Amino acid sequence: MTVQSDIQKAIASCEAAKGSYSMMSQSTEDQTAKQMFNQMKSDIDRHLQLLSSRLDYLTDNNQLNSKQQ
């Protein structure tokens, strides 16, 4: 297993969690809970940005990728 595939799995997990938080936010009438789920969704967006940036960096700078070109 490579670091890149680990990051791809982490991104997929984050996307799944983000969807769950969104569903929970929409299904509750409790405004405090709704705000909490929306904040958690925002946190996941930040995580996704960081993970995607790292994946882009690894993809662009992987020596195996550059040898194949």
PDB file of N, CA and C in Angstrom:
ATOM      1  N   MET A   1       0.847  -1.180   0.000  1.00  0.00           N
ATOM      2  CA  MET A   1       0.000   0.000   0.000  1.00  0.00           C
ATOM      3  C   MET A   1       0.889   1.239   0.000  1.00  0.00           C
ATOM      4  N   THR A   2       0.514   2.197  -0.796  1.00  0.00           N
ATOM      5  CA  THR A   2       1.320   3.407  -0.903  1.00  0.00           C
ATOM      6  C   THR A   2       0.691   4.552  -0.126  1.00  0.00           C
ATOM      7  N   VAL A   3       1.490   5.558   0.095  1.00  0.00           N
ATOM      8  CA  VAL A   3       0.996   6.756   0.760  1.00  0.00           C
ATOM      9  C   VAL A   3      -0.133   7.370  -0.061  1.00  0.00           C
ATOM     10  N   GLN A   4       0.020   7.357  -1.379  1.00  0.00           N
ATOM     11  CA  GLN A   4      -1.019   7.932  -2.238  1.00  0.00           C
ATOM     12  C   GLN A   4      -2.344   7.196  -2.080  1.00  0.00           C
ATOM     13  N   SER A   5      -2.304   5.879  -2.039  1.00  0.00           N
ATOM     14  CA  SER A   5      -3.564   5.140  -1.884  1.00  0.00           C
ATOM     15  C   SER A   5      -4.148   5.349  -0.487  1.00  0.00           C
ATOM     16  N   ASP A   6      -3.286   5.505   0.516  1.00  0.00           N
ATOM     17  CA  ASP A   6      -3.772   5.814   1.865  1.00  0.00           C
ATOM     18  C   ASP A   6      -4.494   7.160   1.874  1.00  0.00           C
ATOM     19  N   ILE A   7      -3.930   8.136   1.212  1.00  0.00           N
ATOM     20  CA  ILE A   7      -4.554   9.466   1.158  1.00  0.00           C
ATOM     21  C   ILE A   7      -5.865   9.402   0.381  1.00  0.00           C
ATOM     22  N   GLN A   8      -5.889   8.639  -0.700  1.00  0.00           N
ATOM     23  CA  GLN A   8      -7.132   8.488  -1.462  1.00  0.00           C
ATOM     24  C   GLN A   8      -8.219   7.857  -0.605  1.00  0.00           C
ATOM     25  N   LYS A   9      -7.858   6.881   0.214  1.00  0.00           N
ATOM     26  CA  LYS A   9      -8.827   6.263   1.118  1.00  0.00           C
ATOM     27  C   LYS A   9      -9.300   7.260   2.171  1.00  0.00           C
ATOM     28  N   ALA A  10      -8.386   8.067   2.670  1.00  0.00           N
ATOM     29  CA  ALA A  10      -8.752   9.082   3.664  1.00  0.00           C
ATOM     30  C   ALA A  10      -9.703  10.103   3.057  1.00  0.00           C
ATOM     31  N   ILE A  11      -9.457  10.484   1.803  1.00  0.00           N
ATOM     32  CA  ILE A  11     -10.344  11.429   1.108  1.00  0.00           C
ATOM     33  C   ILE A  11     -11.735  10.822   0.961  1.00  0.00           C
ATOM     34  N   ALA A  12     -11.796   9.559   0.567  1.00  0.00           N
ATOM     35  CA  ALA A  12     -13.094   8.889   0.422  1.00  0.00           C
ATOM     36  C   ALA A  12     -13.834   8.826   1.758  1.00  0.00           C
ATOM     37  N   SER A  13     -13.104   8.549   2.825  1.00  0.00           N
ATOM     38  CA  SER A  13     -13.711   8.501   4.161  1.00  0.00           C
ATOM     39  C   SER A  13     -14.239   9.870   4.572  1.00  0.00           C
ATOM     40  N   CYS A  14     -13.464  10.906   4.284  1.00  0.00           N
ATOM     41  CA  CYS A  14     -13.896  12.268   4.605  1.00  0.00           C
ATOM     42  C   CYS A  14     -15.154  12.640   3.833  1.00  0.00           C
ATOM     43  N   GLU A  15     -15.192  12.264   2.560  1.00  0.00           N
ATOM     44  CA  GLU A  15     -16.380  12.558   1.742  1.00  0.00           C
ATOM     45  C   GLU A  15     -17.611  11.852   2.319  1.00  0.00           C
ATOM     46  N   ALA A  16     -17.432  10.612   2.769  1.00  0.00           N
ATOM     47  CA  ALA A  16     -18.539   9.869   3.369  1.00  0.00           C
ATOM     48  C   ALA A  16     -19.003  10.538   4.665  1.00  0.00           C
ATOM     49  N   ALA A  17     -18.048  10.943   5.498  1.00  0.00           N
ATOM     50  CA  ALA A  17     -18.391  11.616   6.751  1.00  0.00           C
ATOM     51  C   ALA A  17     -19.105  12.934   6.472  1.00  0.00           C
ATOM     52  N   LYS A  18     -18.624  13.665   5.480  1.00  0.00           N
ATOM     53  CA  LYS A  18     -19.248  14.940   5.122  1.00  0.00           C
ATOM     54  C   LYS A  18     -20.708  14.725   4.716  1.00  0.00           C
ATOM     55  N   GLY A  19     -20.958  13.674   3.950  1.00  0.00           N
ATOM     56  CA  GLY A  19     -22.335  13.357   3.557  1.00  0.00           C
ATOM     57  C   GLY A  19     -23.196  13.007   4.758  1.00  0.00           C
ATOM     58  N   SER A  20     -22.624  12.266   5.687  1.00  0.00           N
ATOM     59  CA  SER A  20     -23.362  11.907   6.903  1.00  0.00           C
ATOM     60  C   SER A  20     -23.690  13.139   7.734  1.00  0.00           C
ATOM     61  N   TYR A  21     -22.718  14.023   7.886  1.00  0.00           N
ATOM     62  CA  TYR A  21     -22.957  15.253   8.650  1.00  0.00           C
ATOM     63  C   TYR A  21     -24.033  16.102   7.991  1.00  0.00           C
ATOM     64  N   SER A  22     -24.001  16.157   6.681  1.00  0.00           N
ATOM     65  CA  SER A  22     -25.003  16.926   5.947  1.00  0.00           C
ATOM     66  C   SER A  22     -26.406  16.351   6.167  1.00  0.00           C
ATOM     67  N   MET A  23     -26.515  15.028   6.090  1.00  0.00           N
ATOM     68  CA  MET A  23     -27.813  14.370   6.324  1.00  0.00           C
ATOM     69  C   MET A  23     -28.304  14.613   7.746  1.00  0.00           C
ATOM     70  N   MET A  24     -27.391  14.502   8.715  1.00  0.00           N
ATOM     71  CA  MET A  24     -27.782  14.709  10.106  1.00  0.00           C
ATOM     72  C   MET A  24     -28.223  16.152  10.338  1.00  0.00           C
ATOM     73  N   SER A  25     -27.544  17.078   9.700  1.00  0.00           N
ATOM     74  CA  SER A  25     -27.909  18.487   9.837  1.00  0.00           C
ATOM     75  C   SER A  25     -29.304  18.754   9.275  1.00  0.00           C
ATOM     76  N   GLN A  26     -29.583  18.145   8.153  1.00  0.00           N
ATOM     77  CA  GLN A  26     -30.879  18.354   7.507  1.00  0.00           C
ATOM     78  C   GLN A  26     -32.018  17.645   8.227  1.00  0.00           C
ATOM     79  N   SER A  27     -31.695  16.560   8.940  1.00  0.00           N
ATOM     80  CA  SER A  27     -32.763  15.766   9.550  1.00  0.00           C
ATOM     81  C   SER A  27     -33.110  16.187  10.973  1.00  0.00           C
ATOM     82  N   THR A  28     -32.390  17.138  11.525  1.00  0.00           N
ATOM     83  CA  THR A  28     -32.703  17.583  12.885  1.00  0.00           C
ATOM     84  C   THR A  28     -33.338  18.969  12.865  1.00  0.00           C
ATOM     85  N   GLU A  29     -34.188  19.177  13.849  1.00  0.00           N
ATOM     86  CA  GLU A  29     -34.780  20.506  14.020  1.00  0.00           C
ATOM     87  C   GLU A  29     -34.083  21.270  15.148  1.00  0.00           C
ATOM     88  N   ASP A  30     -33.223  20.582  15.867  1.00  0.00           N
ATOM     89  CA  ASP A  30     -32.460  21.188  16.950  1.00  0.00           C
ATOM     90  C   ASP A  30     -31.388  22.097  16.338  1.00  0.00           C
ATOM     91  N   GLN A  31     -31.535  23.390  16.532  1.00  0.00           N
ATOM     92  CA  GLN A  31     -30.631  24.352  15.902  1.00  0.00           C
ATOM     93  C   GLN A  31     -29.191  24.221  16.399  1.00  0.00           C
ATOM     94  N   THR A  32     -29.021  23.855  17.657  1.00  0.00           N
ATOM     95  CA  THR A  32     -27.674  23.659  18.188  1.00  0.00           C
ATOM     96  C   THR A  32     -27.002  22.472  17.503  1.00  0.00           C
ATOM     97  N   ALA A  33     -27.741  21.378  17.347  1.00  0.00           N
ATOM     98  CA  ALA A  33     -27.201  20.200  16.661  1.00  0.00           C
ATOM     99  C   ALA A  33     -26.942  20.518  15.193  1.00  0.00           C
ATOM    100  N   LYS A  34     -27.858  21.235  14.567  1.00  0.00           N
ATOM    101  CA  LYS A  34     -27.699  21.611  13.159  1.00  0.00           C
ATOM    102  C   LYS A  34     -26.413  22.418  12.970  1.00  0.00           C
ATOM    103  N   GLN A  35     -26.181  23.375  13.864  1.00  0.00           N
ATOM    104  CA  GLN A  35     -24.968  24.195  13.807  1.00  0.00           C
ATOM    105  C   GLN A  35     -23.725  23.341  14.022  1.00  0.00           C
ATOM    106  N   MET A  36     -23.803  22.400  14.957  1.00  0.00           N
ATOM    107  CA  MET A  36     -22.664  21.518  15.224  1.00  0.00           C
ATOM    108  C   MET A  36     -22.335  20.674  13.985  1.00  0.00           C
ATOM    109  N   PHE A  37     -23.343  20.068  13.358  1.00  0.00           N
ATOM    110  CA  PHE A  37     -23.098  19.243  12.178  1.00  0.00           C
ATOM    111  C   PHE A  37     -22.552  20.075  11.018  1.00  0.00           C
ATOM    112  N   ASN A  38     -23.057  21.291  10.871  1.00  0.00           N
ATOM    113  CA  ASN A  38     -22.548  22.165   9.811  1.00  0.00           C
ATOM    114  C   ASN A  38     -21.099  22.567  10.070  1.00  0.00           C
ATOM    115  N   GLN A  39     -20.748  22.780  11.337  1.00  0.00           N
ATOM    116  CA  GLN A  39     -19.360  23.091  11.677  1.00  0.00           C
ATOM    117  C   GLN A  39     -18.459  21.895  11.394  1.00  0.00           C
ATOM    118  N   MET A  40     -18.942  20.715  11.729  1.00  0.00           N
ATOM    119  CA  MET A  40     -18.173  19.499  11.459  1.00  0.00           C
ATOM    120  C   MET A  40     -17.986  19.321   9.947  1.00  0.00           C
ATOM    121  N   LYS A  41     -19.001  19.656   9.184  1.00  0.00           N
ATOM    122  CA  LYS A  41     -18.905  19.587   7.725  1.00  0.00           C
ATOM    123  C   LYS A  41     -17.849  20.562   7.212  1.00  0.00           C
ATOM    124  N   SER A  42     -17.791  21.751   7.797  1.00  0.00           N
ATOM    125  CA  SER A  42     -16.769  22.735   7.423  1.00  0.00           C
ATOM    126  C   SER A  42     -15.368  22.245   7.777  1.00  0.00           C
ATOM    127  N   ASP A  43     -15.253  21.597   8.935  1.00  0.00           N
ATOM    128  CA  ASP A  43     -13.960  21.030   9.333  1.00  0.00           C
ATOM    129  C   ASP A  43     -13.510  19.974   8.320  1.00  0.00           C
ATOM    130  N   ILE A  44     -14.434  19.140   7.889  1.00  0.00           N
ATOM    131  CA  ILE A  44     -14.119  18.105   6.892  1.00  0.00           C
ATOM    132  C   ILE A  44     -13.679  18.752   5.583  1.00  0.00           C
ATOM    133  N   ASP A  45     -14.318  19.853   5.190  1.00  0.00           N
ATOM    134  CA  ASP A  45     -13.898  20.556   3.967  1.00  0.00           C
ATOM    135  C   ASP A  45     -12.436  20.989   4.073  1.00  0.00           C
ATOM    136  N   ARG A  46     -12.044  21.466   5.242  1.00  0.00           N
ATOM    137  CA  ARG A  46     -10.657  21.882   5.448  1.00  0.00           C
ATOM    138  C   ARG A  46      -9.728  20.672   5.367  1.00  0.00           C
ATOM    139  N   HIS A  47     -10.143  19.575   5.963  1.00  0.00           N
ATOM    140  CA  HIS A  47      -9.345  18.339   5.889  1.00  0.00           C
ATOM    141  C   HIS A  47      -9.201  17.876   4.442  1.00  0.00           C
ATOM    142  N   LEU A  48     -10.301  17.952   3.689  1.00  0.00           N
ATOM    143  CA  LEU A  48     -10.263  17.537   2.288  1.00  0.00           C
ATOM    144  C   LEU A  48      -9.301  18.401   1.483  1.00  0.00           C
ATOM    145  N   GLN A  49      -9.277  19.696   1.762  1.00  0.00           N
ATOM    146  CA  GLN A  49      -8.334  20.585   1.065  1.00  0.00           C
ATOM    147  C   GLN A  49      -6.893  20.173   1.355  1.00  0.00           C
ATOM    148  N   LEU A  50      -6.599  19.916   2.621  1.00  0.00           N
ATOM    149  CA  LEU A  50      -5.240  19.523   2.999  1.00  0.00           C
ATOM    150  C   LEU A  50      -4.848  18.189   2.372  1.00  0.00           C
ATOM    151  N   LEU A  51      -5.743  17.216   2.438  1.00  0.00           N
ATOM    152  CA  LEU A  51      -5.458  15.908   1.860  1.00  0.00           C
ATOM    153  C   LEU A  51      -5.287  15.984   0.344  1.00  0.00           C
ATOM    154  N   SER A  52      -6.149  16.760  -0.305  1.00  0.00           N
ATOM    155  CA  SER A  52      -6.053  16.901  -1.764  1.00  0.00           C
ATOM    156  C   SER A  52      -4.764  17.591  -2.170  1.00  0.00           C
ATOM    157  N   SER A  53      -4.369  18.597  -1.411  1.00  0.00           N
ATOM    158  CA  SER A  53      -3.103  19.281  -1.695  1.00  0.00           C
ATOM    159  C   SER A  53      -1.932  18.325  -1.556  1.00  0.00           C
ATOM    160  N   ARG A  54      -1.967  17.508  -0.517  1.00  0.00           N
ATOM    161  CA  ARG A  54      -0.888  16.535  -0.306  1.00  0.00           C
ATOM    162  C   ARG A  54      -0.866  15.492  -1.425  1.00  0.00           C
ATOM    163  N   LEU A  55      -2.037  15.029  -1.824  1.00  0.00           N
ATOM    164  CA  LEU A  55      -2.116  14.051  -2.905  1.00  0.00           C
ATOM    165  C   LEU A  55      -1.596  14.652  -4.209  1.00  0.00           C
ATOM    166  N   ASP A  56      -1.965  15.891  -4.492  1.00  0.00           N
ATOM    167  CA  ASP A  56      -1.459  16.574  -5.689  1.00  0.00           C
ATOM    168  C   ASP A  56       0.063  16.679  -5.649  1.00  0.00           C
ATOM    169  N   TYR A  57       0.595  17.044  -4.484  1.00  0.00           N
ATOM    170  CA  TYR A  57       2.047  17.166  -4.336  1.00  0.00           C
ATOM    171  C   TYR A  57       2.724  15.823  -4.599  1.00  0.00           C
ATOM    172  N   LEU A  58       2.201  14.779  -3.978  1.00  0.00           N
ATOM    173  CA  LEU A  58       2.800  13.454  -4.160  1.00  0.00           C
ATOM    174  C   LEU A  58       2.713  12.992  -5.611  1.00  0.00           C
ATOM    175  N   THR A  59       1.590  13.254  -6.239  1.00  0.00           N
ATOM    176  CA  THR A  59       1.408  12.864  -7.636  1.00  0.00           C
ATOM    177  C   THR A  59       2.392  13.609  -8.531  1.00  0.00           C
ATOM    178  N   ASP A  60       2.567  14.894  -8.279  1.00  0.00           N
ATOM    179  CA  ASP A  60       3.463  15.714  -9.098  1.00  0.00           C
ATOM    180  C   ASP A  60       4.935  15.407  -8.853  1.00  0.00           C
ATOM    181  N   ASN A  61       5.272  14.945  -7.650  1.00  0.00           N
ATOM    182  CA  ASN A  61       6.672  14.772  -7.280  1.00  0.00           C
ATOM    183  C   ASN A  61       7.104  13.324  -7.066  1.00  0.00           C
ATOM    184  N   ASN A  62       6.250  12.396  -7.395  1.00  0.00           N
ATOM    185  CA  ASN A  62       6.591  10.985  -7.240  1.00  0.00           C
ATOM    186  C   ASN A  62       7.606  10.597  -8.301  1.00  0.00           C
ATOM    187  N   GLN A  63       8.746  10.099  -7.880  1.00  0.00           N
ATOM    188  CA  GLN A  63       9.821   9.735  -8.824  1.00  0.00           C
ATOM    189  C   GLN A  63       9.376   8.623  -9.761  1.00  0.00           C
ATOM    190  N   LEU A  64       8.522   7.719  -9.304  1.00  0.00           N
ATOM    191  CA  LEU A  64       8.044   6.654 -10.187  1.00  0.00           C
ATOM    192  C   LEU A  64       7.208   7.226 -11.326  1.00  0.00           C
ATOM    193  N   ASN A  65       6.404   8.252 -11.009  1.00  0.00           N
ATOM    194  CA  ASN A  65       5.586   8.885 -12.051  1.00  0.00           C
ATOM    195  C   ASN A  65       6.468   9.582 -13.076  1.00  0.00           C
ATOM    196  N   SER A  66       7.517  10.253 -12.618  1.00  0.00           N
ATOM    197  CA  SER A  66       8.365  11.005 -13.555  1.00  0.00           C
ATOM    198  C   SER A  66       9.193  10.070 -14.425  1.00  0.00           C
ATOM    199  N   LYS A  67       9.517   8.863 -13.942  1.00  0.00           N
ATOM    200  CA  LYS A  67      10.273   7.910 -14.740  1.00  0.00           C
ATOM    201  C   LYS A  67       9.422   7.319 -15.856  1.00  0.00           C
ATOM    202  N   GLN A  68       8.115   7.259 -15.638  1.00  0.00           N
ATOM    203  CA  GLN A  68       7.226   6.671 -16.627  1.00  0.00           C
ATOM    204  C   GLN A  68       6.895   7.624 -17.756  1.00  0.00           C
ATOM    205  N   GLN A  69       7.178   8.879 -17.585  1.00  0.00           N
ATOM    206  CA  GLN A  69       6.828   9.870 -18.606  1.00  0.00           C
ATOM    207  C   GLN A  69       7.834   9.921 -19.715  1.00  0.00           C
TER     208      GLN A  69
END
